[in-house]
Amino acid sequence: MRRIALMILRNLFVFPSWFYHIYKYGNHFEKYDANTRYSYLRKVTKRADKSGRIKVVCDGLENLPEESGYILFPNHQGLFDALAFLETHERPFAAIMKKEVKDIILIKQVIQLLQCLIIDREDVKQSMMVIHNMAKEAKTGRNFIIFAEGTRSKNGNHIGEFKPGSFKSAVYAKCPIVPVALLDSYKVFDTNSIKKVTVQIHYLEPLYFEDYKDLKTVEIAAIVEKRITDAIAKAEAERGNEYIIAKTETK
């Protein structure tokens, strides 16, 4: 966690102010609307990322549905994933968070600010209730992120199997599904390094209800998983070509 320490040290004097405002925005919904709360958190995230020697490159924002009320389904690489979304995704969203992190300082306040939903992966009944609640809120126009792998892959840019159950939320809401490919996000906090790192986030073409209404959740999960796998493979191939070209030019 050397990079987290670096980010805190470089922002030592402003960190108390950040914490205070995040706490304030998260506890006074009657005063601050979702856009105000989210904008502040994005501003803090961008500054923290820069101080941590992190660069986030993004493409595919044009693929996001025009109207809110969609669910983002990314691969899950590491602790930085949510920050990559905060830096690049302009509209407010909420995430589905595991109960194990709900009481960690600062994460707890961010959960409150974003009004995230907490899921107990050991309790099937509670998990299904969260899925239903997410669907209800998506119908009202809220955007969500859910990591369909269920946990971090812990295998670099190789993704794990997507769990079909998480896609029931979109089916119940009849809302757009947006696959998102993350690359090198694991390098930020899940390696003991403070070297400069570039994280890629690719918003892929969405599936609308008309595209998946006749499919089983197992089939939907397979489609989304393949799109993300293909996007990662393409990005890595392009990165390899860039490296070869650069190496040739230096000769």
C-alpha atoms as a PDB file:
ATOM      1  CA  MET A   1       0.000   0.000   0.000  1.00  0.00           C
ATOM      2  CA  ARG A   2       2.949   2.336  -0.592  1.00  0.00           C
ATOM      3  CA  ARG A   3       0.989   4.319  -3.167  1.00  0.00           C
ATOM      4  CA  ILE A   4      -1.841   5.038  -0.724  1.00  0.00           C
ATOM      5  CA  ALA A   5       0.748   6.335   1.745  1.00  0.00           C
ATOM      6  CA  LEU A   6       2.223   8.523  -1.010  1.00  0.00           C
ATOM      7  CA  MET A   7      -1.197   9.960  -1.859  1.00  0.00           C
ATOM      8  CA  ILE A   8      -1.906  10.756   1.780  1.00  0.00           C
ATOM      9  CA  LEU A   9       1.519  12.317   2.378  1.00  0.00           C
ATOM     10  CA  ARG A  10       1.257  14.538  -0.701  1.00  0.00           C
ATOM     11  CA  ASN A  11      -2.167  15.740   0.407  1.00  0.00           C
ATOM     12  CA  LEU A  12      -1.590  15.750   4.140  1.00  0.00           C
ATOM     13  CA  PHE A  13      -2.705  19.327   4.682  1.00  0.00           C
ATOM     14  CA  VAL A  14      -5.872  19.125   2.575  1.00  0.00           C
ATOM     15  CA  PHE A  15      -6.884  15.601   3.583  1.00  0.00           C
ATOM     16  CA  PRO A  16      -8.796  16.719   6.716  1.00  0.00           C
ATOM     17  CA  SER A  17     -10.788  19.159   4.579  1.00  0.00           C
ATOM     18  CA  TRP A  18     -11.564  16.446   2.027  1.00  0.00           C
ATOM     19  CA  PHE A  19     -12.719  14.078   4.739  1.00  0.00           C
ATOM     20  CA  TYR A  20     -14.893  16.742   6.355  1.00  0.00           C
ATOM     21  CA  HIS A  21     -16.619  17.689   3.104  1.00  0.00           C
ATOM     22  CA  ILE A  22     -17.159  14.062   2.046  1.00  0.00           C
ATOM     23  CA  TYR A  23     -18.695  13.401   5.456  1.00  0.00           C
ATOM     24  CA  LYS A  24     -20.829  16.552   5.250  1.00  0.00           C
ATOM     25  CA  TYR A  25     -22.126  15.842   1.743  1.00  0.00           C
ATOM     26  CA  GLY A  26     -22.909  12.255   2.675  1.00  0.00           C
ATOM     27  CA  ASN A  27     -24.946  13.214   5.711  1.00  0.00           C
ATOM     28  CA  HIS A  28     -26.953  16.133   4.360  1.00  0.00           C
ATOM     29  CA  PHE A  29     -28.881  14.947   1.325  1.00  0.00           C
ATOM     30  CA  GLU A  30     -31.478  17.632   2.008  1.00  0.00           C
ATOM     31  CA  LYS A  31     -28.883  20.345   1.292  1.00  0.00           C
ATOM     32  CA  TYR A  32     -26.769  18.827  -1.466  1.00  0.00           C
ATOM     33  CA  ASP A  33     -28.113  17.072  -4.537  1.00  0.00           C
ATOM     34  CA  ALA A  34     -26.499  14.041  -6.168  1.00  0.00           C
ATOM     35  CA  ASN A  35     -24.653  16.086  -8.801  1.00  0.00           C
ATOM     36  CA  THR A  36     -23.106  18.406  -6.189  1.00  0.00           C
ATOM     37  CA  ARG A  37     -21.974  15.509  -4.013  1.00  0.00           C
ATOM     38  CA  TYR A  38     -20.605  13.548  -6.944  1.00  0.00           C
ATOM     39  CA  SER A  39     -18.789  16.527  -8.486  1.00  0.00           C
ATOM     40  CA  TYR A  40     -16.904  17.147  -5.267  1.00  0.00           C
ATOM     41  CA  LEU A  41     -15.875  13.514  -4.963  1.00  0.00           C
ATOM     42  CA  ARG A  42     -14.660  13.516  -8.584  1.00  0.00           C
ATOM     43  CA  LYS A  43     -12.545  16.619  -7.939  1.00  0.00           C
ATOM     44  CA  VAL A  44     -10.919  14.999  -4.908  1.00  0.00           C
ATOM     45  CA  THR A  45     -10.355  11.756  -6.826  1.00  0.00           C
ATOM     46  CA  LYS A  46      -8.611  13.477  -9.727  1.00  0.00           C
ATOM     47  CA  ARG A  47      -6.239  15.347  -7.435  1.00  0.00           C
ATOM     48  CA  ALA A  48      -5.501  12.246  -5.368  1.00  0.00           C
ATOM     49  CA  ASP A  49      -4.827  10.178  -8.493  1.00  0.00           C
ATOM     50  CA  LYS A  50      -2.430  12.769  -9.867  1.00  0.00           C
ATOM     51  CA  SER A  51      -0.524  12.927  -6.603  1.00  0.00           C
ATOM     52  CA  GLY A  52      -0.298   9.125  -6.620  1.00  0.00           C
ATOM     53  CA  ARG A  53       1.391   9.163 -10.044  1.00  0.00           C
ATOM     54  CA  ILE A  54      -1.663   7.592 -11.648  1.00  0.00           C
ATOM     55  CA  LYS A  55      -2.911   8.423 -15.130  1.00  0.00           C
ATOM     56  CA  VAL A  56      -6.296   7.191 -16.327  1.00  0.00           C
ATOM     57  CA  VAL A  57      -6.927   7.003 -20.070  1.00  0.00           C
ATOM     58  CA  CYS A  58     -10.454   6.467 -21.237  1.00  0.00           C
ATOM     59  CA  ASP A  59     -12.385   5.840 -24.403  1.00  0.00           C
ATOM     60  CA  GLY A  60     -15.913   4.874 -25.389  1.00  0.00           C
ATOM     61  CA  LEU A  61     -17.786   7.504 -23.388  1.00  0.00           C
ATOM     62  CA  GLU A  62     -19.965   7.964 -26.464  1.00  0.00           C
ATOM     63  CA  ASN A  63     -21.251   4.437 -25.831  1.00  0.00           C
ATOM     64  CA  LEU A  64     -22.952   5.468 -22.606  1.00  0.00           C
ATOM     65  CA  PRO A  65     -26.747   5.639 -23.033  1.00  0.00           C
ATOM     66  CA  GLU A  66     -28.115   9.160 -23.396  1.00  0.00           C
ATOM     67  CA  GLU A  67     -30.492   8.712 -20.474  1.00  0.00           C
ATOM     68  CA  SER A  68     -29.412   7.633 -17.011  1.00  0.00           C
ATOM     69  CA  GLY A  69     -30.730   4.449 -15.491  1.00  0.00           C
ATOM     70  CA  TYR A  70     -28.160   1.969 -16.765  1.00  0.00           C
ATOM     71  CA  ILE A  71     -25.896  -0.583 -15.087  1.00  0.00           C
ATOM     72  CA  LEU A  72     -22.155  -0.770 -15.704  1.00  0.00           C
ATOM     73  CA  PHE A  73     -20.637  -4.265 -15.675  1.00  0.00           C
ATOM     74  CA  PRO A  74     -16.807  -4.054 -15.539  1.00  0.00           C
ATOM     75  CA  ASN A  75     -14.177  -6.654 -14.841  1.00  0.00           C
ATOM     76  CA  HIS A  76     -12.802  -6.379 -11.311  1.00  0.00           C
ATOM     77  CA  GLN A  77      -9.036  -6.007 -10.974  1.00  0.00           C
ATOM     78  CA  GLY A  78      -8.352  -4.236  -7.731  1.00  0.00           C
ATOM     79  CA  LEU A  79      -9.027  -1.563  -5.170  1.00  0.00           C
ATOM     80  CA  PHE A  80      -8.495   1.240  -7.698  1.00  0.00           C
ATOM     81  CA  ASP A  81     -11.349   0.205 -10.010  1.00  0.00           C
ATOM     82  CA  ALA A  82     -13.964   2.483  -8.457  1.00  0.00           C
ATOM     83  CA  LEU A  83     -11.591   5.473  -8.628  1.00  0.00           C
ATOM     84  CA  ALA A  84     -11.116   4.905 -12.363  1.00  0.00           C
ATOM     85  CA  PHE A  85     -14.869   5.301 -12.756  1.00  0.00           C
ATOM     86  CA  LEU A  86     -14.991   8.377 -10.539  1.00  0.00           C
ATOM     87  CA  GLU A  87     -12.351  10.067 -12.678  1.00  0.00           C
ATOM     88  CA  THR A  88     -13.947   9.269 -16.054  1.00  0.00           C
ATOM     89  CA  HIS A  89     -17.694   8.830 -15.534  1.00  0.00           C
ATOM     90  CA  GLU A  90     -19.331  12.271 -15.456  1.00  0.00           C
ATOM     91  CA  ARG A  91     -22.754  11.243 -14.170  1.00  0.00           C
ATOM     92  CA  PRO A  92     -23.409  10.135 -10.593  1.00  0.00           C
ATOM     93  CA  PHE A  93     -23.461   6.415  -9.938  1.00  0.00           C
ATOM     94  CA  ALA A  94     -23.738   4.056  -7.009  1.00  0.00           C
ATOM     95  CA  ALA A  95     -21.811   0.847  -6.559  1.00  0.00           C
ATOM     96  CA  ILE A  96     -22.701  -2.498  -5.055  1.00  0.00           C
ATOM     97  CA  MET A  97     -20.211  -2.917  -2.216  1.00  0.00           C
ATOM     98  CA  LYS A  98     -19.405  -5.993  -0.157  1.00  0.00           C
ATOM     99  CA  LYS A  99     -20.252  -5.710   3.529  1.00  0.00           C
ATOM    100  CA  GLU A 100     -16.618  -6.288   4.527  1.00  0.00           C
ATOM    101  CA  VAL A 101     -15.661  -2.717   3.522  1.00  0.00           C
ATOM    102  CA  LYS A 102     -18.684  -0.799   4.783  1.00  0.00           C
ATOM    103  CA  ASP A 103     -17.073   0.228   8.090  1.00  0.00           C
ATOM    104  CA  ILE A 104     -13.595   1.147   6.816  1.00  0.00           C
ATOM    105  CA  ILE A 105     -12.898   4.823   7.441  1.00  0.00           C
ATOM    106  CA  LEU A 106     -13.246   7.046   4.363  1.00  0.00           C
ATOM    107  CA  ILE A 107     -14.743   4.174   2.335  1.00  0.00           C
ATOM    108  CA  LYS A 108     -17.664   4.294   4.742  1.00  0.00           C
ATOM    109  CA  GLN A 109     -18.131   8.016   4.093  1.00  0.00           C
ATOM    110  CA  VAL A 110     -17.836   7.564   0.303  1.00  0.00           C
ATOM    111  CA  ILE A 111     -20.450   4.787   0.424  1.00  0.00           C
ATOM    112  CA  GLN A 112     -22.774   7.161   2.233  1.00  0.00           C
ATOM    113  CA  LEU A 113     -22.120  10.017  -0.205  1.00  0.00           C
ATOM    114  CA  LEU A 114     -22.782   7.864  -3.264  1.00  0.00           C
ATOM    115  CA  GLN A 115     -25.643   5.994  -1.555  1.00  0.00           C
ATOM    116  CA  CYS A 116     -24.128   2.651  -2.473  1.00  0.00           C
ATOM    117  CA  LEU A 117     -25.886  -0.618  -1.731  1.00  0.00           C
ATOM    118  CA  ILE A 118     -24.252  -3.157   0.580  1.00  0.00           C
ATOM    119  CA  ILE A 119     -24.357  -6.835  -0.287  1.00  0.00           C
ATOM    120  CA  ASP A 120     -23.664  -9.845   1.915  1.00  0.00           C
ATOM    121  CA  ARG A 121     -22.250 -12.476  -0.421  1.00  0.00           C
ATOM    122  CA  GLU A 122     -22.817 -15.180   2.196  1.00  0.00           C
ATOM    123  CA  ASP A 123     -26.552 -14.435   2.446  1.00  0.00           C
ATOM    124  CA  VAL A 124     -28.430 -15.411  -0.722  1.00  0.00           C
ATOM    125  CA  LYS A 125     -31.728 -13.887   0.447  1.00  0.00           C
ATOM    126  CA  GLN A 126     -30.118 -10.550   1.291  1.00  0.00           C
ATOM    127  CA  SER A 127     -28.182 -10.567  -1.990  1.00  0.00           C
ATOM    128  CA  MET A 128     -31.377 -11.049  -3.991  1.00  0.00           C
ATOM    129  CA  MET A 129     -33.013  -8.220  -2.054  1.00  0.00           C
ATOM    130  CA  VAL A 130     -30.131  -5.924  -3.034  1.00  0.00           C
ATOM    131  CA  ILE A 131     -30.483  -6.995  -6.682  1.00  0.00           C
ATOM    132  CA  HIS A 132     -34.212  -6.170  -6.582  1.00  0.00           C
ATOM    133  CA  ASN A 133     -33.583  -2.806  -4.882  1.00  0.00           C
ATOM    134  CA  MET A 134     -30.946  -1.916  -7.468  1.00  0.00           C
ATOM    135  CA  ALA A 135     -33.415  -2.742 -10.253  1.00  0.00           C
ATOM    136  CA  LYS A 136     -36.064  -0.523  -8.674  1.00  0.00           C
ATOM    137  CA  GLU A 137     -33.644   2.384  -8.357  1.00  0.00           C
ATOM    138  CA  ALA A 138     -32.298   1.915 -11.890  1.00  0.00           C
ATOM    139  CA  LYS A 139     -35.872   2.296 -13.125  1.00  0.00           C
ATOM    140  CA  THR A 140     -35.977   5.722 -11.472  1.00  0.00           C
ATOM    141  CA  GLY A 141     -32.847   6.827 -13.365  1.00  0.00           C
ATOM    142  CA  ARG A 142     -29.980   5.939 -11.044  1.00  0.00           C
ATOM    143  CA  ASN A 143     -26.813   4.450 -12.548  1.00  0.00           C
ATOM    144  CA  PHE A 144     -25.045   1.530 -10.909  1.00  0.00           C
ATOM    145  CA  ILE A 145     -21.808  -0.417 -11.063  1.00  0.00           C
ATOM    146  CA  ILE A 146     -21.702  -4.082 -10.175  1.00  0.00           C
ATOM    147  CA  PHE A 147     -18.659  -6.333 -10.502  1.00  0.00           C
ATOM    148  CA  ALA A 148     -20.066  -9.521 -11.999  1.00  0.00           C
ATOM    149  CA  GLU A 149     -16.976 -11.567 -11.116  1.00  0.00           C
ATOM    150  CA  GLY A 150     -17.992 -11.161  -7.487  1.00  0.00           C
ATOM    151  CA  THR A 151     -14.441 -10.469  -6.333  1.00  0.00           C
ATOM    152  CA  ARG A 152     -11.103  -9.278  -7.674  1.00  0.00           C
ATOM    153  CA  SER A 153      -9.641 -11.581 -10.306  1.00  0.00           C
ATOM    154  CA  LYS A 154      -6.129 -11.315  -8.787  1.00  0.00           C
ATOM    155  CA  ASN A 155      -4.772 -12.416 -12.138  1.00  0.00           C
ATOM    156  CA  GLY A 156      -3.627  -9.230 -13.820  1.00  0.00           C
ATOM    157  CA  ASN A 157      -5.530  -8.418 -16.999  1.00  0.00           C
ATOM    158  CA  HIS A 158      -7.091 -11.879 -17.166  1.00  0.00           C
ATOM    159  CA  ILE A 159     -10.717 -11.809 -16.043  1.00  0.00           C
ATOM    160  CA  GLY A 160     -12.621 -14.343 -13.985  1.00  0.00           C
ATOM    161  CA  GLU A 161     -15.951 -15.944 -14.748  1.00  0.00           C
ATOM    162  CA  PHE A 162     -18.925 -13.570 -14.686  1.00  0.00           C
ATOM    163  CA  LYS A 163     -21.705 -14.619 -12.304  1.00  0.00           C
ATOM    164  CA  PRO A 164     -25.105 -14.782 -14.084  1.00  0.00           C
ATOM    165  CA  GLY A 165     -27.026 -13.782 -10.950  1.00  0.00           C
ATOM    166  CA  SER A 166     -25.720 -10.213 -11.017  1.00  0.00           C
ATOM    167  CA  PHE A 167     -27.410  -9.658 -14.392  1.00  0.00           C
ATOM    168  CA  LYS A 168     -30.846 -10.260 -12.900  1.00  0.00           C
ATOM    169  CA  SER A 169     -30.779  -6.632 -11.773  1.00  0.00           C
ATOM    170  CA  ALA A 170     -30.715  -5.404 -15.375  1.00  0.00           C
ATOM    171  CA  VAL A 171     -33.345  -7.948 -16.445  1.00  0.00           C
ATOM    172  CA  TYR A 172     -35.708  -6.812 -13.669  1.00  0.00           C
ATOM    173  CA  ALA A 173     -35.095  -3.142 -14.521  1.00  0.00           C
ATOM    174  CA  LYS A 174     -35.185  -3.711 -18.300  1.00  0.00           C
ATOM    175  CA  CYS A 175     -32.316  -1.240 -18.459  1.00  0.00           C
ATOM    176  CA  PRO A 176     -29.191  -0.905 -20.617  1.00  0.00           C
ATOM    177  CA  ILE A 177     -26.177  -3.041 -19.745  1.00  0.00           C
ATOM    178  CA  VAL A 178     -22.815  -1.339 -20.344  1.00  0.00           C
ATOM    179  CA  PRO A 179     -19.758  -3.653 -20.412  1.00  0.00           C
ATOM    180  CA  VAL A 180     -16.574  -1.919 -19.266  1.00  0.00           C
ATOM    181  CA  ALA A 181     -13.008  -3.174 -19.705  1.00  0.00           C
ATOM    182  CA  LEU A 182     -10.367  -2.209 -17.150  1.00  0.00           C
ATOM    183  CA  LEU A 183      -6.644  -2.740 -17.790  1.00  0.00           C
ATOM    184  CA  ASP A 184      -3.754  -2.374 -15.354  1.00  0.00           C
ATOM    185  CA  SER A 185      -5.998  -1.134 -12.557  1.00  0.00           C
ATOM    186  CA  TYR A 186      -4.534  -3.833 -10.318  1.00  0.00           C
ATOM    187  CA  LYS A 187      -1.106  -2.193 -10.575  1.00  0.00           C
ATOM    188  CA  VAL A 188      -2.188   0.860  -8.581  1.00  0.00           C
ATOM    189  CA  PHE A 189      -2.902  -0.525  -5.107  1.00  0.00           C
ATOM    190  CA  ASP A 190      -2.444  -4.277  -5.501  1.00  0.00           C
ATOM    191  CA  THR A 191       1.301  -4.104  -6.154  1.00  0.00           C
ATOM    192  CA  ASN A 192       3.862  -2.643  -3.775  1.00  0.00           C
ATOM    193  CA  SER A 193       5.047   0.063  -6.163  1.00  0.00           C
ATOM    194  CA  ILE A 194       4.872   3.828  -6.547  1.00  0.00           C
ATOM    195  CA  LYS A 195       6.098   3.907 -10.145  1.00  0.00           C
ATOM    196  CA  LYS A 196       4.027   5.910 -12.610  1.00  0.00           C
ATOM    197  CA  VAL A 197       1.137   3.796 -13.826  1.00  0.00           C
ATOM    198  CA  THR A 198      -1.407   4.231 -16.591  1.00  0.00           C
ATOM    199  CA  VAL A 199      -4.824   2.639 -16.176  1.00  0.00           C
ATOM    200  CA  GLN A 200      -7.083   2.078 -19.157  1.00  0.00           C
ATOM    201  CA  ILE A 201     -10.877   2.109 -18.982  1.00  0.00           C
ATOM    202  CA  HIS A 202     -12.944   1.284 -22.057  1.00  0.00           C
ATOM    203  CA  TYR A 203     -16.707   1.846 -22.088  1.00  0.00           C
ATOM    204  CA  LEU A 204     -18.042  -0.672 -24.596  1.00  0.00           C
ATOM    205  CA  GLU A 205     -21.163  -0.813 -26.722  1.00  0.00           C
ATOM    206  CA  PRO A 206     -24.209  -1.360 -24.496  1.00  0.00           C
ATOM    207  CA  LEU A 207     -26.840  -4.057 -24.644  1.00  0.00           C
ATOM    208  CA  TYR A 208     -30.355  -2.670 -24.525  1.00  0.00           C
ATOM    209  CA  PHE A 209     -33.334  -4.624 -23.239  1.00  0.00           C
ATOM    210  CA  GLU A 210     -34.404  -5.430 -26.785  1.00  0.00           C
ATOM    211  CA  ASP A 211     -31.003  -7.050 -27.304  1.00  0.00           C
ATOM    212  CA  TYR A 212     -31.191  -9.420 -24.344  1.00  0.00           C
ATOM    213  CA  LYS A 213     -34.862  -9.793 -23.398  1.00  0.00           C
ATOM    214  CA  ASP A 214     -35.055 -13.333 -24.825  1.00  0.00           C
ATOM    215  CA  LEU A 215     -31.749 -14.484 -23.305  1.00  0.00           C
ATOM    216  CA  LYS A 216     -31.041 -16.270 -20.053  1.00  0.00           C
ATOM    217  CA  THR A 217     -28.770 -14.523 -17.560  1.00  0.00           C
ATOM    218  CA  VAL A 218     -26.115 -17.180 -18.241  1.00  0.00           C
ATOM    219  CA  GLU A 219     -26.123 -16.139 -21.907  1.00  0.00           C
ATOM    220  CA  ILE A 220     -26.054 -12.429 -21.058  1.00  0.00           C
ATOM    221  CA  ALA A 221     -23.097 -12.968 -18.716  1.00  0.00           C
ATOM    222  CA  ALA A 222     -21.228 -14.855 -21.458  1.00  0.00           C
ATOM    223  CA  ILE A 223     -21.792 -12.043 -23.985  1.00  0.00           C
ATOM    224  CA  VAL A 224     -20.601  -9.328 -21.594  1.00  0.00           C
ATOM    225  CA  GLU A 225     -17.610 -11.395 -20.487  1.00  0.00           C
ATOM    226  CA  LYS A 226     -16.583 -12.004 -24.115  1.00  0.00           C
ATOM    227  CA  ARG A 227     -16.888  -8.327 -25.064  1.00  0.00           C
ATOM    228  CA  ILE A 228     -14.634  -7.342 -22.176  1.00  0.00           C
ATOM    229  CA  THR A 229     -12.158 -10.145 -22.883  1.00  0.00           C
ATOM    230  CA  ASP A 230     -11.977  -9.120 -26.550  1.00  0.00           C
ATOM    231  CA  ALA A 231     -11.526  -5.436 -25.630  1.00  0.00           C
ATOM    232  CA  ILE A 232      -8.664  -6.276 -23.268  1.00  0.00           C
ATOM    233  CA  ALA A 233      -7.006  -8.485 -25.884  1.00  0.00           C
ATOM    234  CA  LYS A 234      -7.319  -5.714 -28.491  1.00  0.00           C
ATOM    235  CA  ALA A 235      -5.895  -3.083 -26.140  1.00  0.00           C
ATOM    236  CA  GLU A 236      -2.973  -5.308 -25.188  1.00  0.00           C
ATOM    237  CA  ALA A 237      -2.266  -6.087 -28.863  1.00  0.00           C
ATOM    238  CA  GLU A 238      -2.252  -2.375 -29.704  1.00  0.00           C
ATOM    239  CA  ARG A 239       0.010  -1.677 -26.757  1.00  0.00           C
ATOM    240  CA  GLY A 240       2.368  -4.388 -27.974  1.00  0.00           C
ATOM    241  CA  ASN A 241       2.467  -2.864 -31.460  1.00  0.00           C
ATOM    242  CA  GLU A 242       3.201   0.571 -30.013  1.00  0.00           C
ATOM    243  CA  TYR A 243       6.091  -0.904 -28.045  1.00  0.00           C
ATOM    244  CA  ILE A 244       7.511  -2.610 -31.165  1.00  0.00           C
ATOM    245  CA  ILE A 245       7.219   0.598 -33.218  1.00  0.00           C
ATOM    246  CA  ALA A 246       8.835   2.692 -30.507  1.00  0.00           C
ATOM    247  CA  LYS A 247      11.680   0.197 -30.135  1.00  0.00           C
ATOM    248  CA  THR A 248      12.264   0.168 -33.919  1.00  0.00           C
ATOM    249  CA  GLU A 249      12.353   3.976 -34.103  1.00  0.00           C
ATOM    250  CA  THR A 250      15.067   4.174 -31.455  1.00  0.00           C
ATOM    251  CA  LYS A 251      17.467   1.973 -33.427  1.00  0.00           C
END
